[in-house]
Protein backbone atom coordinates (compact mmCIF):
# COMPACT_ATOMS: atom_id res chain seq x y z
CA UNK A 1 -0.01 -0.05 0.04
CA UNK A 2 1.19 3.52 -0.86
CA UNK A 3 2.19 5.19 2.57
CA UNK A 4 1.90 8.54 0.81
CA UNK A 5 -1.76 7.93 -0.60
CA UNK A 6 -3.80 10.90 0.52
CA UNK A 7 -6.62 10.11 3.22
CA UNK A 8 -9.87 10.30 1.51
CA UNK A 9 -12.43 12.55 2.99
CA UNK A 10 -15.66 10.88 4.32
CA UNK A 11 -18.80 11.36 2.15
CA UNK A 12 -22.30 10.15 2.50
CA UNK A 13 -23.90 9.02 -0.57
CA UNK A 14 -27.66 8.51 -0.70
CA UNK A 15 -29.19 6.63 -3.39
CA UNK A 16 -32.82 7.47 -4.51
CA UNK A 17 -35.30 4.57 -4.90
CA UNK A 18 -36.53 4.11 -7.48
CA UNK A 19 -34.11 5.44 -10.03
CA UNK A 20 -33.14 4.70 -13.66
CA UNK A 21 -35.08 2.59 -16.19
CA UNK A 22 -38.70 2.37 -16.09
CA UNK A 23 -40.85 -0.52 -17.59
CA UNK A 24 -41.82 1.73 -20.82
CA UNK A 25 -38.16 2.28 -21.52
CA UNK A 26 -37.14 -1.14 -20.68
CA UNK A 27 -39.75 -2.49 -23.18
CA UNK A 28 -38.70 0.05 -25.97
CA UNK A 29 -35.12 -1.08 -25.79
CA UNK A 30 -36.02 -4.67 -25.76
CA UNK A 31 -38.19 -4.10 -28.92
CA UNK A 32 -35.01 -2.78 -30.93
CA UNK A 33 -32.87 -5.60 -29.56
CA UNK A 34 -35.34 -8.32 -30.37
CA UNK A 35 -35.98 -6.98 -33.75
CA UNK A 36 -32.25 -7.01 -34.67
CA UNK A 37 -32.08 -10.59 -33.24
CA UNK A 38 -35.10 -11.71 -35.22
CA UNK A 39 -34.67 -9.71 -38.58
CA UNK A 40 -30.98 -9.01 -38.52
CA UNK A 41 -29.27 -5.67 -39.09
CA UNK A 42 -30.00 -2.89 -39.85
CA UNK A 43 -33.35 -2.24 -38.12
CA UNK A 44 -34.47 1.48 -38.50
CA UNK A 45 -35.63 3.59 -35.59
CA UNK A 46 -37.56 6.67 -36.14
CA UNK A 47 -36.32 9.15 -33.69
CA UNK A 48 -34.20 8.26 -30.71
CA UNK A 49 -35.79 5.13 -29.09
CA UNK A 50 -35.56 6.71 -25.72
CA UNK A 51 -33.68 10.03 -24.63
CA UNK A 52 -30.30 8.71 -23.62
CA UNK A 53 -27.10 9.10 -25.65
CA UNK A 54 -25.41 5.81 -24.08
CA UNK A 55 -28.56 3.78 -24.91
CA UNK A 56 -28.63 5.10 -28.56
CA UNK A 57 -24.92 4.53 -29.11
CA UNK A 58 -25.16 1.02 -27.84
CA UNK A 59 -28.07 0.04 -30.18
CA UNK A 60 -26.26 1.87 -33.08
CA UNK A 61 -23.33 -0.53 -32.62
CA UNK A 62 -25.74 -3.49 -32.60
CA UNK A 63 -27.15 -2.38 -35.98
CA UNK A 64 -29.92 0.16 -35.39
CA UNK A 65 -30.06 2.97 -37.79
CA UNK A 66 -31.72 6.11 -36.19
CA UNK A 67 -33.66 8.44 -38.45
CA UNK A 68 -35.71 11.53 -38.13
CA UNK A 69 -38.49 10.50 -40.59
CA UNK A 70 -40.07 7.33 -42.18
CA UNK A 71 -38.95 8.52 -45.55
CA UNK A 72 -35.43 7.94 -44.78
CA UNK A 73 -36.21 4.12 -44.32
CA UNK A 74 -36.21 1.66 -47.15
CA UNK A 75 -39.44 -0.32 -47.58
CA UNK A 76 -37.94 -3.77 -46.99
CA UNK A 77 -36.42 -3.40 -43.49
CA UNK A 78 -38.22 -3.23 -40.11
CA UNK A 79 -38.87 0.12 -38.55
CA UNK A 80 -39.35 0.83 -34.75
CA UNK A 81 -41.34 3.84 -33.56
CA UNK A 82 -39.91 5.34 -30.37
CA UNK A 83 -41.22 5.25 -26.75
CA UNK A 84 -42.51 8.70 -27.09
CA UNK A 85 -45.28 7.87 -29.47
CA UNK A 86 -45.85 9.16 -33.08
CA UNK A 87 -48.57 11.18 -34.82
CA UNK A 88 -51.23 8.84 -36.60
CA UNK A 89 -49.97 9.88 -40.14
CA UNK A 90 -46.64 7.81 -39.37
CA UNK A 91 -48.13 4.30 -39.01
CA UNK A 92 -50.50 5.29 -41.80
CA UNK A 93 -47.55 5.83 -44.15
CA UNK A 94 -45.83 2.75 -42.99
CA UNK A 95 -48.94 0.72 -43.80
CA UNK A 96 -49.35 2.37 -47.29
CA UNK A 97 -45.73 1.37 -47.96
CA UNK A 98 -46.34 -2.16 -46.70
CA UNK A 99 -43.49 -1.85 -44.31
CA UNK A 100 -42.95 -4.12 -41.18
CA UNK A 101 -43.34 -1.64 -38.39
CA UNK A 102 -43.04 -2.18 -34.50
CA UNK A 103 -44.57 0.34 -32.22
CA UNK A 104 -42.42 1.03 -29.00
CA UNK A 105 -44.79 3.70 -27.84
CA UNK A 106 -44.94 3.49 -23.80
CA UNK A 107 -48.46 1.95 -23.08
CA UNK A 108 -48.93 5.05 -20.71
CA UNK A 109 -48.37 7.43 -23.66
CA UNK A 110 -50.88 5.43 -25.65
CA UNK A 111 -53.26 5.68 -22.68
CA UNK A 112 -53.03 9.61 -23.23
CA UNK A 113 -53.69 9.11 -26.94
CA UNK A 114 -56.84 7.05 -26.26
CA UNK A 115 -58.16 9.73 -23.78
CA UNK A 116 -57.46 12.48 -26.17
CA UNK A 117 -59.46 10.68 -28.85
CA UNK A 118 -62.23 9.91 -26.35
CA UNK A 119 -62.60 13.63 -25.52
CA UNK A 120 -62.54 14.64 -29.29
CA UNK A 121 -65.19 12.05 -30.31
CA UNK A 122 -67.30 13.72 -27.32
CA UNK A 123 -67.04 16.94 -28.95
CA UNK A 124 -64.55 18.51 -26.50
CA UNK A 125 -61.60 20.78 -27.19
CA UNK A 126 -58.33 19.50 -25.55
CA UNK A 127 -56.00 21.50 -23.56
CA UNK A 128 -52.65 19.59 -23.53
CA UNK A 129 -50.17 20.43 -20.93
CA UNK A 130 -46.68 19.80 -22.20
CA UNK A 131 -43.50 21.28 -23.87
CA UNK A 132 -43.60 22.35 -27.47
CA UNK A 133 -41.57 20.26 -29.89
CA UNK A 134 -41.10 17.39 -27.51
CA UNK A 135 -41.79 14.14 -29.38
CA UNK A 136 -44.50 13.01 -27.08
CA UNK A 137 -46.25 16.23 -27.59
CA UNK A 138 -45.95 15.96 -31.21
CA UNK A 139 -47.17 12.43 -31.20
CA UNK A 140 -50.18 13.30 -29.05
CA UNK A 141 -51.20 16.44 -31.00
CA UNK A 142 -50.91 14.21 -34.12
CA UNK A 143 -53.56 11.83 -33.12
CA UNK A 144 -56.29 14.41 -33.89
CA UNK A 145 -57.07 16.80 -36.72
CA UNK A 146 -55.18 20.19 -36.56
CA UNK A 147 -56.81 22.70 -34.23
CA UNK A 148 -58.35 19.90 -32.06
CA UNK A 149 -55.64 20.45 -29.27
CA UNK A 150 -54.25 23.68 -27.77
CA UNK A 151 -50.75 23.23 -26.00
CA UNK A 152 -50.36 24.99 -22.68
CA UNK A 153 -46.70 25.31 -21.64
CA UNK A 154 -46.93 27.73 -18.85
CA UNK A 155 -49.13 29.27 -16.06
CA UNK A 156 -49.09 32.39 -18.29
CA UNK A 157 -50.66 30.10 -21.23
CA UNK A 158 -53.31 28.82 -18.76
CA UNK A 159 -54.28 32.42 -17.77
CA UNK A 160 -54.61 33.55 -21.36
CA UNK A 161 -56.03 30.47 -23.36
CA UNK A 162 -59.43 30.99 -25.01
CA UNK A 163 -62.10 28.43 -25.43
CA UNK A 164 -62.83 27.90 -29.13
CA UNK A 165 -66.47 29.21 -29.50
CA UNK A 166 -68.68 27.48 -26.87
CA UNK A 167 -67.04 24.05 -26.97
CA UNK A 168 -66.73 22.15 -23.73
CA UNK A 169 -63.11 21.54 -22.73
CA UNK A 170 -60.85 18.70 -21.55
CA UNK A 171 -57.25 18.28 -20.79
CA UNK A 172 -54.49 15.97 -21.08
CA UNK A 173 -50.78 16.17 -19.92
CA UNK A 174 -47.44 14.93 -21.25
CA UNK A 175 -46.45 12.02 -19.19
CA UNK A 176 -42.96 13.22 -18.10
CA UNK A 177 -43.75 16.56 -16.53
CA UNK A 178 -43.14 17.80 -13.03
CA UNK A 179 -46.11 17.07 -10.92
CA UNK A 180 -45.81 20.46 -9.06
CA UNK A 181 -45.61 22.49 -12.37
CA UNK A 182 -48.59 20.69 -13.61
CA UNK A 183 -50.62 21.14 -10.47
CA UNK A 184 -49.99 24.85 -10.70
CA UNK A 185 -51.17 25.01 -14.44
CA UNK A 186 -54.22 22.88 -13.68
CA UNK A 187 -55.19 25.01 -10.72
CA UNK A 188 -55.14 28.09 -12.99
CA UNK A 189 -57.03 26.22 -15.68
CA UNK A 190 -59.65 24.93 -13.14
CA UNK A 191 -60.06 28.38 -11.75
CA UNK A 192 -61.01 29.87 -15.21
CA UNK A 193 -63.02 26.77 -16.46
CA UNK A 194 -64.64 25.05 -13.38
CA UNK A 195 -66.16 22.38 -15.63
CA UNK A 196 -63.05 20.86 -16.65
CA UNK A 197 -63.25 17.13 -15.80
CA UNK A 198 -60.55 15.38 -13.86
CA UNK A 199 -58.69 12.78 -15.89
CA UNK A 200 -59.94 9.10 -15.28
CA UNK A 201 -56.31 8.55 -13.85
CA UNK A 202 -53.29 10.85 -13.55
CA UNK A 203 -51.52 11.27 -16.97
CA UNK A 204 -48.21 11.78 -15.47
CA UNK A 205 -46.85 8.34 -15.51
CA UNK A 206 -46.13 6.33 -12.26
CA UNK A 207 -42.43 5.98 -13.01
CA UNK A 208 -42.05 9.88 -13.48
CA UNK A 209 -44.13 10.42 -10.20
CA UNK A 210 -42.22 7.85 -8.24
CA UNK A 211 -38.79 9.36 -9.21
CA UNK A 212 -39.88 12.86 -8.31
CA UNK A 213 -41.13 11.74 -5.01
CA UNK A 214 -37.86 9.88 -4.40
CA UNK A 215 -35.96 12.97 -5.30
CA UNK A 216 -38.08 15.22 -2.85
CA UNK A 217 -36.97 12.95 -0.10
CA UNK A 218 -33.29 12.70 -1.34
CA UNK A 219 -33.14 16.46 -1.66
CA UNK A 220 -33.91 17.23 1.99
CA UNK A 221 -30.61 16.76 3.71
CA UNK A 222 -28.29 16.71 0.66
CA UNK A 223 -25.76 19.25 -0.16
CA UNK A 224 -25.59 18.14 -3.71
CA UNK A 225 -27.89 15.96 -5.90
CA UNK A 226 -26.60 14.41 -9.20
CA UNK A 227 -28.99 13.11 -11.65
CA UNK A 228 -27.71 10.79 -14.36
CA UNK A 229 -29.52 11.42 -17.72
CA UNK A 230 -29.18 13.18 -20.98
CA UNK A 231 -30.09 16.81 -21.58
CA UNK A 232 -32.78 15.99 -24.05
CA UNK A 233 -34.57 13.67 -21.44
CA UNK A 234 -37.54 15.62 -20.12
CA UNK A 235 -38.01 13.39 -16.99
CA UNK A 236 -34.30 13.76 -16.17
CA UNK A 237 -34.24 17.47 -16.38
CA UNK A 238 -37.40 17.79 -14.28
CA UNK A 239 -35.49 15.80 -11.58
CA UNK A 240 -32.91 18.44 -11.25
CA UNK A 241 -35.63 21.13 -10.78
CA UNK A 242 -37.50 18.96 -8.21
CA UNK A 243 -34.09 18.50 -6.15
CA UNK A 244 -33.46 22.17 -5.98
CA UNK A 245 -37.13 22.91 -5.18
CA UNK A 246 -36.93 20.17 -2.56
CA UNK A 247 -34.07 21.86 -0.69
CA UNK A 248 -30.93 20.61 -2.17
CA UNK A 249 -28.13 23.24 -2.22
CA UNK A 250 -27.05 22.32 -5.63
CA UNK A 251 -28.30 19.74 -8.21
CA UNK A 252 -26.66 18.85 -11.62
CA UNK A 253 -27.52 16.81 -14.68
CA UNK A 254 -24.70 14.46 -15.96
CA UNK A 255 -24.71 12.27 -18.87
CA UNK A 256 -22.30 10.08 -17.08
CA UNK A 257 -19.38 10.22 -14.57
CA UNK A 258 -17.00 11.93 -17.04
CA UNK A 259 -19.12 15.05 -16.84
CA UNK A 260 -18.80 15.37 -13.09
CA UNK A 261 -16.74 18.58 -12.16
CA UNK A 262 -15.31 17.59 -8.78
CA UNK A 263 -15.18 21.23 -7.50
CA UNK A 264 -19.05 20.73 -6.90
CA UNK A 265 -18.14 18.46 -4.06
CA UNK A 266 -16.32 21.24 -2.10
CA UNK A 267 -18.18 21.74 1.24
CA UNK A 268 -20.36 18.71 0.42
CA UNK A 269 -20.98 16.12 3.16
CA UNK A 270 -24.09 14.39 1.62
CA UNK A 271 -24.51 13.75 -2.00
CA UNK A 272 -27.61 12.33 -3.56
CA UNK A 273 -27.58 10.28 -6.61
CA UNK A 274 -30.46 9.44 -8.92
CA UNK A 275 -31.17 8.72 -12.64
CA UNK A 276 -33.85 9.48 -15.16
CA UNK A 277 -36.07 6.78 -16.37
CA UNK A 278 -34.03 6.40 -19.52
CA UNK A 279 -30.68 6.10 -17.86
CA UNK A 280 -29.06 2.63 -17.59
CA UNK A 281 -28.02 1.18 -14.33
CA UNK A 282 -24.28 0.66 -15.50
CA UNK A 283 -23.95 4.65 -15.66
CA UNK A 284 -25.04 4.95 -12.17
CA UNK A 285 -22.63 2.27 -10.98
CA UNK A 286 -19.84 3.87 -12.88
CA UNK A 287 -20.70 7.21 -11.20
CA UNK A 288 -20.54 5.70 -7.79
CA UNK A 289 -17.35 3.97 -8.63
CA UNK A 290 -15.75 7.54 -9.59
CA UNK A 291 -17.09 8.92 -6.28
CA UNK A 292 -15.73 5.92 -4.25
CA UNK A 293 -12.25 6.57 -6.01
CA UNK A 294 -12.11 10.07 -4.48
CA UNK A 295 -13.81 9.86 -1.26
CA UNK A 296 -14.29 7.57 1.70
CA UNK A 297 -17.81 6.97 0.59
CA UNK A 298 -20.57 5.42 2.63
CA UNK A 299 -23.50 4.17 0.45
CA UNK A 300 -27.10 4.42 1.83
CA UNK A 301 -30.14 3.29 -0.21
CA UNK A 302 -33.05 5.48 0.43
CA UNK A 303 -36.26 3.60 1.12
CA UNK A 304 -38.93 4.05 -1.78
CA UNK A 305 -41.51 2.64 -3.99
CA UNK A 306 -40.54 -0.89 -5.39
CA UNK A 307 -41.79 -0.90 -9.10
CA UNK A 308 -43.01 -4.10 -10.37
CA UNK A 309 -44.66 -3.00 -13.51
CA UNK A 310 -43.81 -4.89 -16.87
CA UNK A 311 -45.30 -4.24 -20.35
CA UNK A 312 -45.80 -6.92 -22.88
CA UNK A 313 -43.66 -7.02 -26.21
CA UNK A 314 -45.39 -6.72 -29.55
CA UNK A 315 -46.64 -9.96 -30.76
CA UNK A 316 -44.53 -9.98 -34.03
CA UNK A 317 -41.29 -10.40 -31.67
CA UNK A 318 -42.75 -13.09 -29.37
CA UNK A 319 -44.48 -15.22 -31.97
């Protein structure tokens, strides 16, 4: 042992429960892997299957080709639609071209699509709480004719949105939003339109809710919270916001351990670690290993919700 090795400073590391992959992400990735196994490479994927750089790079190495639009795909190779969902026009084009397509849309996003359609068929105008340009929002808005849905991004939007004519209203939400922000927007909408119905079940998905609740617990008593996730992952970005709102002195989003700036740890006695729903477990483990290299780390798993949800794969892959 090196007698001159510096003595490591003690550091408490709290791990959020749950963290990382959710059932919808797990299913989407499995669909791409199984499609490559069954049909050989290349398998085309419209948009990033999930919002994580490492997942996308690994699948590329296996033979997945990521494209923005269907017209970049040849007719004779399988194409997978991402977990975020797609406008109705996309599967319609794939059918017209007689393509083999596999829909990896998260079943909880599909549930929002079904709800939106139900409201539309009942003659209601839909207010969709979400972020413009996010693939999930594009997919949900693309379920219905143009003008059937109005996007609400902020409390200010909720204060100024106008009812089209005398149409009754309904609302839906993007599944990866912050529960607190959505509650604020809803409060504003309900004050203006008291007849707004409650959704049958909360649109914000169980995994997003569980991870945000876990971060609220984690943030209380942590000097720094590190969230493993890619910057284009809505649910990961929300976790940083929830941590700061929950009382953490500092919170940072990192794609992986290489992005950590160790000066963040100055004056930090307790660090919290979590990961967005599209971040793989090996990235979390690599971050914990990097922390252990530099500190005399004591790891503690926060108690939290145990997730047992699983979603079935499409029949074309299991037959």
